[in-house]
PDB file of N, CA and C in Angstrom:
ATOM      1  N   MET A   1      82.381 107.522 110.826  1.00  0.00           N
ATOM      2  CA  MET A   1      83.639 107.732 110.341  1.00  0.00           C
ATOM      3  C   MET A   1      84.618 108.405 111.271  1.00  0.00           C
ATOM      4  N   SER A   2      85.602 107.872 111.577  1.00  0.00           N
ATOM      5  CA  SER A   2      86.576 108.643 112.496  1.00  0.00           C
ATOM      6  C   SER A   2      87.099 109.836 111.739  1.00  0.00           C
ATOM      7  N   LYS A   3      87.850 110.622 112.479  1.00  0.00           N
ATOM      8  CA  LYS A   3      88.488 112.027 112.107  1.00  0.00           C
ATOM      9  C   LYS A   3      89.750 111.491 111.212  1.00  0.00           C
ATOM     10  N   LEU A   4      90.434 110.599 111.597  1.00  0.00           N
ATOM     11  CA  LEU A   4      91.492 110.169 110.703  1.00  0.00           C
ATOM     12  C   LEU A   4      90.934 109.449 109.467  1.00  0.00           C
ATOM     13  N   ARG A   5      90.068 108.832 109.596  1.00  0.00           N
ATOM     14  CA  ARG A   5      89.523 108.005 108.031  1.00  0.00           C
ATOM     15  C   ARG A   5      88.947 109.291 107.289  1.00  0.00           C
ATOM     16  N   ARG A   6      88.313 110.200 107.618  1.00  0.00           N
ATOM     17  CA  ARG A   6      87.927 111.232 107.074  1.00  0.00           C
ATOM     18  C   ARG A   6      89.052 112.145 106.415  1.00  0.00           C
ATOM     19  N   GLN A   7      89.978 112.463 107.006  1.00  0.00           N
ATOM     20  CA  GLN A   7      91.147 112.960 106.607  1.00  0.00           C
ATOM     21  C   GLN A   7      92.047 112.245 105.675  1.00  0.00           C
ATOM     22  N   ILE A   8      91.986 110.924 105.670  1.00  0.00           N
ATOM     23  CA  ILE A   8      92.564 110.031 104.691  1.00  0.00           C
ATOM     24  C   ILE A   8      91.950 110.074 103.453  1.00  0.00           C
ATOM     25  N   SER A   9      90.541 110.100 103.328  1.00  0.00           N
ATOM     26  CA  SER A   9      89.841 110.123 102.191  1.00  0.00           C
ATOM     27  C   SER A   9      89.815 111.611 101.546  1.00  0.00           C
ATOM     28  N   ALA A  10      90.313 112.424 102.036  1.00  0.00           N
ATOM     29  CA  ALA A  10      90.413 113.679 101.518  1.00  0.00           C
ATOM     30  C   ALA A  10      91.287 113.921 100.152  1.00  0.00           C
ATOM     31  N   ASN A  11      91.154 113.333  99.147  1.00  0.00           N
ATOM     32  CA  ASN A  11      91.885 113.242  97.974  1.00  0.00           C
ATOM     33  C   ASN A  11      93.371 113.283  98.168  1.00  0.00           C
ATOM     34  N   ILE A  12      93.764 112.395  98.750  1.00  0.00           N
ATOM     35  CA  ILE A  12      95.274 112.072  98.896  1.00  0.00           C
ATOM     36  C   ILE A  12      95.439 110.776  98.183  1.00  0.00           C
ATOM     37  N   PRO A  13      96.415 111.021  97.171  1.00  0.00           N
ATOM     38  CA  PRO A  13      96.627 109.562  96.227  1.00  0.00           C
ATOM     39  C   PRO A  13      97.183 108.594  97.121  1.00  0.00           C
ATOM     40  N   ASN A  14      97.057 107.465  96.467  1.00  0.00           N
ATOM     41  CA  ASN A  14      97.421 106.316  97.216  1.00  0.00           C
ATOM     42  C   ASN A  14      99.035 105.981  96.793  1.00  0.00           C
ATOM     43  N   VAL A  15      99.368 106.497  95.688  1.00  0.00           N
ATOM     44  CA  VAL A  15     100.870 106.531  95.095  1.00  0.00           C
ATOM     45  C   VAL A  15     101.490 107.530  95.432  1.00  0.00           C
ATOM     46  N   VAL A  16     102.904 107.290  95.378  1.00  0.00           N
ATOM     47  CA  VAL A  16     103.836 108.034  95.971  1.00  0.00           C
ATOM     48  C   VAL A  16     103.988 109.147  94.606  1.00  0.00           C
ATOM     49  N   GLU A  17     104.004 110.442  94.939  1.00  0.00           N
ATOM     50  CA  GLU A  17     104.320 111.452  93.908  1.00  0.00           C
ATOM     51  C   GLU A  17     105.516 112.037  94.195  1.00  0.00           C
ATOM     52  N   THR A  18     106.520 112.342  93.326  1.00  0.00           N
ATOM     53  CA  THR A  18     107.817 113.139  93.748  1.00  0.00           C
ATOM     54  C   THR A  18     107.526 114.469  94.206  1.00  0.00           C
ATOM     55  N   LYS A  19     108.193 114.863  95.129  1.00  0.00           N
ATOM     56  CA  LYS A  19     108.209 116.258  95.774  1.00  0.00           C
ATOM     57  C   LYS A  19     109.364 117.046  95.422  1.00  0.00           C
ATOM     58  N   ASN A  20     109.247 118.236  95.424  1.00  0.00           N
ATOM     59  CA  ASN A  20     110.384 119.184  95.181  1.00  0.00           C
ATOM     60  C   ASN A  20     111.154 119.210  96.597  1.00  0.00           C
ATOM     61  N   LEU A  21     112.235 118.936  96.676  1.00  0.00           N
ATOM     62  CA  LEU A  21     113.155 119.115  97.819  1.00  0.00           C
ATOM     63  C   LEU A  21     113.400 120.307  98.513  1.00  0.00           C
ATOM     64  N   VAL A  22     113.437 121.329  97.437  1.00  0.00           N
ATOM     65  CA  VAL A  22     113.614 122.757  97.795  1.00  0.00           C
ATOM     66  C   VAL A  22     112.028 123.348  98.397  1.00  0.00           C
ATOM     67  N   ASP A  23     111.032 122.689  98.058  1.00  0.00           N
ATOM     68  CA  ASP A  23     109.612 123.058  98.789  1.00  0.00           C
ATOM     69  C   ASP A  23     109.527 122.376  99.993  1.00  0.00           C
ATOM     70  N   ILE A  24     110.205 121.200 100.349  1.00  0.00           N
ATOM     71  CA  ILE A  24     110.195 120.707 101.545  1.00  0.00           C
ATOM     72  C   ILE A  24     110.932 121.392 102.626  1.00  0.00           C
ATOM     73  N   LYS A  25     112.258 121.587 101.987  1.00  0.00           N
ATOM     74  CA  LYS A  25     113.174 122.435 102.883  1.00  0.00           C
ATOM     75  C   LYS A  25     112.788 123.890 103.261  1.00  0.00           C
ATOM     76  N   ALA A  26     111.842 124.448 102.307  1.00  0.00           N
ATOM     77  CA  ALA A  26     111.273 125.967 102.699  1.00  0.00           C
ATOM     78  C   ALA A  26     110.645 126.103 103.873  1.00  0.00           C
ATOM     79  N   HIS A  27     110.012 124.997 104.331  1.00  0.00           N
ATOM     80  CA  HIS A  27     109.167 125.114 105.481  1.00  0.00           C
ATOM     81  C   HIS A  27     109.825 125.408 106.708  1.00  0.00           C
ATOM     82  N   THR A  28     110.987 124.678 106.886  1.00  0.00           N
ATOM     83  CA  THR A  28     111.882 124.642 108.067  1.00  0.00           C
ATOM     84  C   THR A  28     113.098 125.517 107.916  1.00  0.00           C
ATOM     85  N   GLY A  29     113.748 125.485 106.585  1.00  0.00           N
ATOM     86  CA  GLY A  29     114.804 126.002 106.319  1.00  0.00           C
ATOM     87  C   GLY A  29     116.064 125.005 106.501  1.00  0.00           C
ATOM     88  N   ASN A  30     115.766 123.844 106.753  1.00  0.00           N
ATOM     89  CA  ASN A  30     116.651 122.439 106.689  1.00  0.00           C
ATOM     90  C   ASN A  30     115.830 121.373 106.346  1.00  0.00           C
ATOM     91  N   LEU A  31     116.545 120.745 105.175  1.00  0.00           N
ATOM     92  CA  LEU A  31     115.669 119.703 104.762  1.00  0.00           C
ATOM     93  C   LEU A  31     115.730 118.437 105.736  1.00  0.00           C
ATOM     94  N   TYR A  32     116.740 118.303 106.461  1.00  0.00           N
ATOM     95  CA  TYR A  32     116.634 117.243 107.198  1.00  0.00           C
ATOM     96  C   TYR A  32     115.727 117.601 108.539  1.00  0.00           C
ATOM     97  N   GLU A  33     115.503 118.613 109.087  1.00  0.00           N
ATOM     98  CA  GLU A  33     114.502 118.922 109.852  1.00  0.00           C
ATOM     99  C   GLU A  33     113.157 118.548 109.498  1.00  0.00           C
ATOM    100  N   SER A  34     112.669 119.052 108.110  1.00  0.00           N
ATOM    101  CA  SER A  34     111.680 118.703 107.497  1.00  0.00           C
ATOM    102  C   SER A  34     111.496 117.480 107.461  1.00  0.00           C
ATOM    103  N   ILE A  35     112.426 116.480 107.215  1.00  0.00           N
ATOM    104  CA  ILE A  35     112.103 115.005 106.905  1.00  0.00           C
ATOM    105  C   ILE A  35     111.976 114.331 108.273  1.00  0.00           C
ATOM    106  N   ALA A  36     112.667 114.783 109.150  1.00  0.00           N
ATOM    107  CA  ALA A  36     112.521 114.383 110.681  1.00  0.00           C
ATOM    108  C   ALA A  36     111.089 114.620 111.159  1.00  0.00           C
ATOM    109  N   ILE A  37     110.453 115.664 110.969  1.00  0.00           N
ATOM    110  CA  ILE A  37     109.046 116.201 111.116  1.00  0.00           C
ATOM    111  C   ILE A  37     108.022 115.382 110.545  1.00  0.00           C
ATOM    112  N   ILE A  38     108.469 115.047 109.282  1.00  0.00           N
ATOM    113  CA  ILE A  38     107.343 114.243 108.245  1.00  0.00           C
ATOM    114  C   ILE A  38     107.484 112.924 108.966  1.00  0.00           C
ATOM    115  N   GLY A  39     108.807 112.317 109.274  1.00  0.00           N
ATOM    116  CA  GLY A  39     108.852 111.079 109.989  1.00  0.00           C
ATOM    117  C   GLY A  39     108.113 110.904 111.212  1.00  0.00           C
ATOM    118  N   LYS A  40     108.242 111.906 111.985  1.00  0.00           N
ATOM    119  CA  LYS A  40     107.709 111.746 113.391  1.00  0.00           C
ATOM    120  C   LYS A  40     106.021 111.679 113.042  1.00  0.00           C
ATOM    121  N   ARG A  41     105.451 112.550 112.200  1.00  0.00           N
ATOM    122  CA  ARG A  41     104.184 112.555 111.941  1.00  0.00           C
ATOM    123  C   ARG A  41     103.590 111.227 111.436  1.00  0.00           C
ATOM    124  N   ALA A  42     104.535 110.888 110.585  1.00  0.00           N
ATOM    125  CA  ALA A  42     104.104 109.422 110.035  1.00  0.00           C
ATOM    126  C   ALA A  42     103.902 108.427 110.810  1.00  0.00           C
ATOM    127  N   ASN A  43     104.929 108.387 112.027  1.00  0.00           N
ATOM    128  CA  ASN A  43     104.727 107.339 112.903  1.00  0.00           C
ATOM    129  C   ASN A  43     103.348 107.570 113.847  1.00  0.00           C
ATOM    130  N   GLN A  44     103.005 108.869 114.120  1.00  0.00           N
ATOM    131  CA  GLN A  44     101.962 109.116 115.029  1.00  0.00           C
ATOM    132  C   GLN A  44     100.447 108.539 114.319  1.00  0.00           C
ATOM    133  N   ILE A  45     100.571 108.879 112.770  1.00  0.00           N
ATOM    134  CA  ILE A  45      99.474 108.395 112.012  1.00  0.00           C
ATOM    135  C   ILE A  45      99.574 106.845 112.147  1.00  0.00           C
ATOM    136  N   ASN A  46     100.643 106.412 111.841  1.00  0.00           N
ATOM    137  CA  ASN A  46     100.669 104.780 111.823  1.00  0.00           C
ATOM    138  C   ASN A  46     100.318 104.252 113.193  1.00  0.00           C
ATOM    139  N   ILE A  47     100.559 104.767 114.302  1.00  0.00           N
ATOM    140  CA  ILE A  47     100.261 104.166 115.592  1.00  0.00           C
ATOM    141  C   ILE A  47      98.614 104.425 115.677  1.00  0.00           C
ATOM    142  N   SER A  48      98.118 105.429 115.290  1.00  0.00           N
ATOM    143  CA  SER A  48      96.647 105.730 115.554  1.00  0.00           C
ATOM    144  C   SER A  48      95.626 104.932 114.734  1.00  0.00           C
ATOM    145  N   LEU A  49      96.411 104.837 113.169  1.00  0.00           N
ATOM    146  CA  LEU A  49      95.758 103.586 112.454  1.00  0.00           C
ATOM    147  C   LEU A  49      95.735 102.204 112.946  1.00  0.00           C
ATOM    148  N   LYS A  50      96.805 101.924 113.566  1.00  0.00           N
ATOM    149  CA  LYS A  50      96.730 100.551 114.069  1.00  0.00           C
ATOM    150  C   LYS A  50      95.936 100.266 114.949  1.00  0.00           C
ATOM    151  N   GLU A  51      95.903 101.372 115.949  1.00  0.00           N
ATOM    152  CA  GLU A  51      94.854 101.196 117.037  1.00  0.00           C
ATOM    153  C   GLU A  51      93.487 101.165 116.752  1.00  0.00           C
ATOM    154  N   GLU A  52      93.192 101.680 115.703  1.00  0.00           N
ATOM    155  CA  GLU A  52      91.699 101.895 115.201  1.00  0.00           C
ATOM    156  C   GLU A  52      91.396 100.747 114.592  1.00  0.00           C
ATOM    157  N   LEU A  53      92.340 100.165 113.861  1.00  0.00           N
ATOM    158  CA  LEU A  53      92.096  98.711 113.008  1.00  0.00           C
ATOM    159  C   LEU A  53      91.901  97.766 113.889  1.00  0.00           C
ATOM    160  N   HIS A  54      92.934  97.608 114.980  1.00  0.00           N
ATOM    161  CA  HIS A  54      92.643  96.705 116.178  1.00  0.00           C
ATOM    162  C   HIS A  54      91.621  96.651 117.036  1.00  0.00           C
ATOM    163  N   ASN A  55      91.141  97.837 117.349  1.00  0.00           N
ATOM    164  CA  ASN A  55      89.940  98.183 117.922  1.00  0.00           C
ATOM    165  C   ASN A  55      88.665  97.544 117.214  1.00  0.00           C
ATOM    166  N   LYS A  56      88.790  97.871 115.860  1.00  0.00           N
ATOM    167  CA  LYS A  56      87.543  97.254 115.062  1.00  0.00           C
ATOM    168  C   LYS A  56      87.478  95.958 114.773  1.00  0.00           C
ATOM    169  N   LEU A  57      88.726  95.239 114.820  1.00  0.00           N
ATOM    170  CA  LEU A  57      88.865  93.820 114.462  1.00  0.00           C
ATOM    171  C   LEU A  57      88.605  93.121 115.835  1.00  0.00           C
ATOM    172  N   GLU A  58      88.737  93.739 116.894  1.00  0.00           N
ATOM    173  CA  GLU A  58      88.634  93.054 118.239  1.00  0.00           C
ATOM    174  C   GLU A  58      87.078  92.706 118.500  1.00  0.00           C
ATOM    175  N   GLU A  59      86.328  93.430 117.817  1.00  0.00           N
ATOM    176  CA  GLU A  59      84.813  93.064 117.815  1.00  0.00           C
ATOM    177  C   GLU A  59      84.552  91.568 117.187  1.00  0.00           C
ATOM    178  N   PHE A  60      85.296  91.232 116.033  1.00  0.00           N
ATOM    179  CA  PHE A  60      85.213  89.866 115.668  1.00  0.00           C
ATOM    180  C   PHE A  60      86.101  88.743 116.319  1.00  0.00           C
ATOM    181  N   ALA A  61      86.902  89.119 117.162  1.00  0.00           N
ATOM    182  CA  ALA A  61      87.931  88.254 117.715  1.00  0.00           C
ATOM    183  C   ALA A  61      86.925  87.068 118.657  1.00  0.00           C
ATOM    184  N   SER A  62      87.367  85.794 118.372  1.00  0.00           N
ATOM    185  CA  SER A  62      86.957  84.931 119.219  1.00  0.00           C
ATOM    186  C   SER A  62      87.993  84.478 120.316  1.00  0.00           C
ATOM    187  N   HIS A  63      87.434  84.392 121.267  1.00  0.00           N
ATOM    188  CA  HIS A  63      88.677  84.100 122.260  1.00  0.00           C
ATOM    189  C   HIS A  63      88.672  82.468 122.522  1.00  0.00           C
ATOM    190  N   THR A  64      88.465  81.746 121.706  1.00  0.00           N
ATOM    191  CA  THR A  64      88.802  80.422 121.885  1.00  0.00           C
ATOM    192  C   THR A  64      90.027  79.711 121.338  1.00  0.00           C
ATOM    193  N   ASP A  65      90.586  78.935 121.870  1.00  0.00           N
ATOM    194  CA  ASP A  65      91.777  78.392 121.264  1.00  0.00           C
ATOM    195  C   ASP A  65      91.686  77.296 120.260  1.00  0.00           C
ATOM    196  N   SER A  66      90.619  76.863 119.856  1.00  0.00           N
ATOM    197  CA  SER A  66      90.499  75.934 118.939  1.00  0.00           C
ATOM    198  C   SER A  66      90.833  76.147 117.584  1.00  0.00           C
ATOM    199  N   LEU A  67      91.519  75.394 116.934  1.00  0.00           N
ATOM    200  CA  LEU A  67      91.811  75.716 115.545  1.00  0.00           C
ATOM    201  C   LEU A  67      90.661  75.226 114.657  1.00  0.00           C
ATOM    202  N   GLU A  68      89.906  74.613 115.275  1.00  0.00           N
ATOM    203  CA  GLU A  68      88.781  73.862 114.224  1.00  0.00           C
ATOM    204  C   GLU A  68      87.813  74.984 114.041  1.00  0.00           C
ATOM    205  N   GLU A  69      87.639  75.871 114.756  1.00  0.00           N
ATOM    206  CA  GLU A  69      86.436  76.724 114.702  1.00  0.00           C
ATOM    207  C   GLU A  69      86.651  78.180 113.828  1.00  0.00           C
ATOM    208  N   ILE A  70      87.858  77.954 113.280  1.00  0.00           N
ATOM    209  CA  ILE A  70      88.232  79.120 112.521  1.00  0.00           C
ATOM    210  C   ILE A  70      87.170  79.262 111.243  1.00  0.00           C
ATOM    211  N   HIS A  71      86.503  80.509 111.202  1.00  0.00           N
ATOM    212  CA  HIS A  71      85.662  80.739 110.115  1.00  0.00           C
ATOM    213  C   HIS A  71      85.980  82.078 109.748  1.00  0.00           C
ATOM    214  N   GLU A  72      85.546  82.362 108.208  1.00  0.00           N
ATOM    215  CA  GLU A  72      85.719  83.666 107.748  1.00  0.00           C
ATOM    216  C   GLU A  72      84.835  84.705 107.895  1.00  0.00           C
ATOM    217  N   ASN A  73      84.889  85.837 108.176  1.00  0.00           N
ATOM    218  CA  ASN A  73      83.907  86.964 108.504  1.00  0.00           C
ATOM    219  C   ASN A  73      84.000  87.907 107.550  1.00  0.00           C
ATOM    220  N   LYS A  74      83.060  88.143 106.572  1.00  0.00           N
ATOM    221  CA  LYS A  74      83.063  89.046 105.270  1.00  0.00           C
ATOM    222  C   LYS A  74      83.161  90.376 105.910  1.00  0.00           C
ATOM    223  N   GLU A  75      82.740  90.947 107.073  1.00  0.00           N
ATOM    224  CA  GLU A  75      82.829  92.208 107.649  1.00  0.00           C
ATOM    225  C   GLU A  75      84.397  92.456 107.944  1.00  0.00           C
ATOM    226  N   GLN A  76      85.008  91.627 108.546  1.00  0.00           N
ATOM    227  CA  GLN A  76      86.000  91.598 108.982  1.00  0.00           C
ATOM    228  C   GLN A  76      87.111  91.809 107.694  1.00  0.00           C
ATOM    229  N   ILE A  77      86.878  90.978 106.797  1.00  0.00           N
ATOM    230  CA  ILE A  77      87.789  91.111 105.489  1.00  0.00           C
ATOM    231  C   ILE A  77      87.488  92.383 104.939  1.00  0.00           C
ATOM    232  N   GLU A  78      86.422  92.969 104.908  1.00  0.00           N
ATOM    233  CA  GLU A  78      86.094  94.342 104.342  1.00  0.00           C
ATOM    234  C   GLU A  78      86.775  95.361 104.779  1.00  0.00           C
ATOM    235  N   ILE A  79      86.743  95.254 106.334  1.00  0.00           N
ATOM    236  CA  ILE A  79      87.533  96.317 107.061  1.00  0.00           C
ATOM    237  C   ILE A  79      89.015  96.063 106.810  1.00  0.00           C
ATOM    238  N   SER A  80      89.596  95.027 106.740  1.00  0.00           N
ATOM    239  CA  SER A  80      91.037  94.742 106.512  1.00  0.00           C
ATOM    240  C   SER A  80      91.181  95.455 105.124  1.00  0.00           C
ATOM    241  N   ARG A  81      90.463  95.097 104.190  1.00  0.00           N
ATOM    242  CA  ARG A  81      90.753  95.496 102.694  1.00  0.00           C
ATOM    243  C   ARG A  81      90.712  97.068 102.797  1.00  0.00           C
ATOM    244  N   ALA A  82      89.824  97.715 103.220  1.00  0.00           N
ATOM    245  CA  ALA A  82      89.707  99.172 103.363  1.00  0.00           C
ATOM    246  C   ALA A  82      90.984  99.690 104.101  1.00  0.00           C
ATOM    247  N   TYR A  83      91.557  99.058 105.016  1.00  0.00           N
ATOM    248  CA  TYR A  83      92.695  99.807 105.643  1.00  0.00           C
ATOM    249  C   TYR A  83      94.058  99.321 105.004  1.00  0.00           C
ATOM    250  N   GLU A  84      93.896  98.424 103.938  1.00  0.00           N
ATOM    251  CA  GLU A  84      95.088  98.358 103.037  1.00  0.00           C
ATOM    252  C   GLU A  84      95.042  99.143 101.970  1.00  0.00           C
ATOM    253  N   LYS A  85      93.902  99.521 101.422  1.00  0.00           N
ATOM    254  CA  LYS A  85      93.724 100.837 100.464  1.00  0.00           C
ATOM    255  C   LYS A  85      94.043 101.889 100.966  1.00  0.00           C
ATOM    256  N   MET A  86      94.232 102.182 102.123  1.00  0.00           N
ATOM    257  CA  MET A  86      94.606 103.697 102.580  1.00  0.00           C
ATOM    258  C   MET A  86      95.793 104.003 102.184  1.00  0.00           C
ATOM    259  N   PRO A  87      96.138 105.342 101.904  1.00  0.00           N
ATOM    260  CA  PRO A  87      97.483 105.642 101.739  1.00  0.00           C
ATOM    261  C   PRO A  87      98.694 105.627 102.853  1.00  0.00           C
ATOM    262  N   ASN A  88      99.902 105.287 102.541  1.00  0.00           N
ATOM    263  CA  ASN A  88     100.867 104.925 103.350  1.00  0.00           C
ATOM    264  C   ASN A  88     100.872 106.394 104.258  1.00  0.00           C
ATOM    265  N   PRO A  89     101.289 105.875 105.543  1.00  0.00           N
ATOM    266  CA  PRO A  89     101.119 107.056 106.528  1.00  0.00           C
ATOM    267  C   PRO A  89     102.320 108.184 106.317  1.00  0.00           C
ATOM    268  N   ALA A  90     103.355 107.840 105.449  1.00  0.00           N
ATOM    269  CA  ALA A  90     104.592 108.646 105.022  1.00  0.00           C
ATOM    270  C   ALA A  90     103.837 109.522 104.012  1.00  0.00           C
ATOM    271  N   ILE A  91     103.129 109.243 103.269  1.00  0.00           N
ATOM    272  CA  ILE A  91     102.405 109.782 102.172  1.00  0.00           C
ATOM    273  C   ILE A  91     101.454 110.835 103.002  1.00  0.00           C
ATOM    274  N   LEU A  92     100.848 110.424 103.791  1.00  0.00           N
ATOM    275  CA  LEU A  92      99.807 111.325 104.512  1.00  0.00           C
ATOM    276  C   LEU A  92     100.528 112.361 105.409  1.00  0.00           C
ATOM    277  N   ALA A  93     101.474 111.960 105.974  1.00  0.00           N
ATOM    278  CA  ALA A  93     102.343 113.079 106.755  1.00  0.00           C
ATOM    279  C   ALA A  93     103.087 114.034 105.788  1.00  0.00           C
ATOM    280  N   THR A  94     103.666 113.674 104.723  1.00  0.00           N
ATOM    281  CA  THR A  94     104.133 114.450 103.607  1.00  0.00           C
ATOM    282  C   THR A  94     103.114 115.426 103.357  1.00  0.00           C
ATOM    283  N   GLN A  95     102.035 115.036 102.980  1.00  0.00           N
ATOM    284  CA  GLN A  95     100.750 116.074 102.403  1.00  0.00           C
ATOM    285  C   GLN A  95     100.522 116.873 103.392  1.00  0.00           C
ATOM    286  N   GLU A  96     100.410 116.510 104.733  1.00  0.00           N
ATOM    287  CA  GLU A  96     100.129 117.359 105.717  1.00  0.00           C
ATOM    288  C   GLU A  96     101.055 118.478 105.928  1.00  0.00           C
ATOM    289  N   PHE A  97     102.177 117.882 105.958  1.00  0.00           N
ATOM    290  CA  PHE A  97     103.456 118.978 106.047  1.00  0.00           C
ATOM    291  C   PHE A  97     103.518 120.139 104.951  1.00  0.00           C
ATOM    292  N   MET A  98     103.197 119.890 103.801  1.00  0.00           N
ATOM    293  CA  MET A  98     103.280 120.689 102.848  1.00  0.00           C
ATOM    294  C   MET A  98     101.970 121.515 102.632  1.00  0.00           C
ATOM    295  N   GLU A  99     101.051 121.114 103.436  1.00  0.00           N
ATOM    296  CA  GLU A  99      99.676 122.049 103.494  1.00  0.00           C
ATOM    297  C   GLU A  99      99.695 122.680 104.900  1.00  0.00           C
ATOM    298  N   ASN A 100     100.898 122.824 105.564  1.00  0.00           N
ATOM    299  CA  ASN A 100     101.131 123.378 106.730  1.00  0.00           C
ATOM    300  C   ASN A 100      99.918 123.114 107.787  1.00  0.00           C
ATOM    301  N   LYS A 101      99.674 121.710 108.012  1.00  0.00           N
ATOM    302  CA  LYS A 101      98.677 121.130 108.941  1.00  0.00           C
ATOM    303  C   LYS A 101      99.280 120.556 110.022  1.00  0.00           C
ATOM    304  N   VAL A 102     100.564 120.472 109.956  1.00  0.00           N
ATOM    305  CA  VAL A 102     101.504 119.983 110.975  1.00  0.00           C
ATOM    306  C   VAL A 102     102.033 120.996 112.091  1.00  0.00           C
ATOM    307  N   TYR A 103     101.730 120.785 113.274  1.00  0.00           N
ATOM    308  CA  TYR A 103     102.271 121.772 114.256  1.00  0.00           C
ATOM    309  C   TYR A 103     103.705 121.073 114.803  1.00  0.00           C
ATOM    310  N   TYR A 104     104.601 121.968 114.934  1.00  0.00           N
ATOM    311  CA  TYR A 104     105.859 121.577 115.347  1.00  0.00           C
ATOM    312  C   TYR A 104     106.739 122.611 115.964  1.00  0.00           C
ATOM    313  N   ARG A 105     107.691 122.363 116.851  1.00  0.00           N
ATOM    314  CA  ARG A 105     108.417 123.475 117.478  1.00  0.00           C
ATOM    315  C   ARG A 105     109.828 122.962 117.585  1.00  0.00           C
ATOM    316  N   LYS A 106     110.810 124.032 117.684  1.00  0.00           N
ATOM    317  CA  LYS A 106     112.142 123.687 117.869  1.00  0.00           C
ATOM    318  C   LYS A 106     112.459 123.908 119.296  1.00  0.00           C
ATOM    319  N   ASN A 107     113.264 122.958 119.758  1.00  0.00           N
ATOM    320  CA  ASN A 107     113.925 123.209 121.283  1.00  0.00           C
ATOM    321  C   ASN A 107     115.065 124.262 120.980  1.00  0.00           C
ATOM    322  N   ASN A 108     115.183 125.142 121.814  1.00  0.00           N
ATOM    323  CA  ASN A 108     116.235 126.076 121.849  1.00  0.00           C
ATOM    324  C   ASN A 108     117.545 125.432 122.327  1.00  0.00           C
ATOM    325  N   ASP A 109     118.607 125.046 121.403  1.00  0.00           N
ATOM    326  CA  ASP A 109     119.698 124.600 121.707  1.00  0.00           C
ATOM    327  C   ASP A 109     120.530 125.193 122.571  1.00  0.00           C
ATOM    328  N   ASN A 110     120.583 126.563 122.863  1.00  0.00           N
ATOM    329  CA  ASN A 110     121.301 127.305 123.801  1.00  0.00           C
ATOM    330  C   ASN A 110     120.932 126.811 125.244  1.00  0.00           C
ATOM    331  N   ASP A 111     119.504 126.569 125.411  1.00  0.00           N
ATOM    332  CA  ASP A 111     119.057 126.074 126.947  1.00  0.00           C
ATOM    333  C   ASP A 111     119.835 124.697 127.296  1.00  0.00           C
ATOM    334  N   LEU A 112     120.372 123.909 126.406  1.00  0.00           N
ATOM    335  CA  LEU A 112     121.006 122.809 126.752  1.00  0.00           C
ATOM    336  C   LEU A 112     122.359 122.799 127.577  1.00  0.00           C
ATOM    337  N   PHE A 113     123.065 124.171 127.165  1.00  0.00           N
ATOM    338  CA  PHE A 113     124.301 124.337 127.443  1.00  0.00           C
ATOM    339  C   PHE A 113     124.312 125.132 129.001  1.00  0.00           C
ATOM    340  N   ARG A 114     123.246 125.676 129.478  1.00  0.00           N
ATOM    341  CA  ARG A 114     123.292 126.491 130.711  1.00  0.00           C
ATOM    342  C   ARG A 114     123.161 125.788 131.953  1.00  0.00           C
TER     343      ARG A 114
END
């Protein structure tokens, strides 16, 4: 099992739960910065999930162009269903952010004007 799949299965709910905006803001001091960090992390998670899924499904791909040879593969269907049941990347990113598992840094704005 990949590191990402282990992380996903670590008691993270599949449904969206409301979060207190004050708690989200408390991590950076700015609500919009916190949401931007969560959004960037969600994109990273989404990209890695897509790559992992495509790599697993590539094993089942047939490289023939014939439409007559289409058949169902139960293993492929099970893999696809498992990924569909995973929590949304935004939920995962928010959970990581709230648990201080996301590394982020600010660029110094004063350096831009020198």
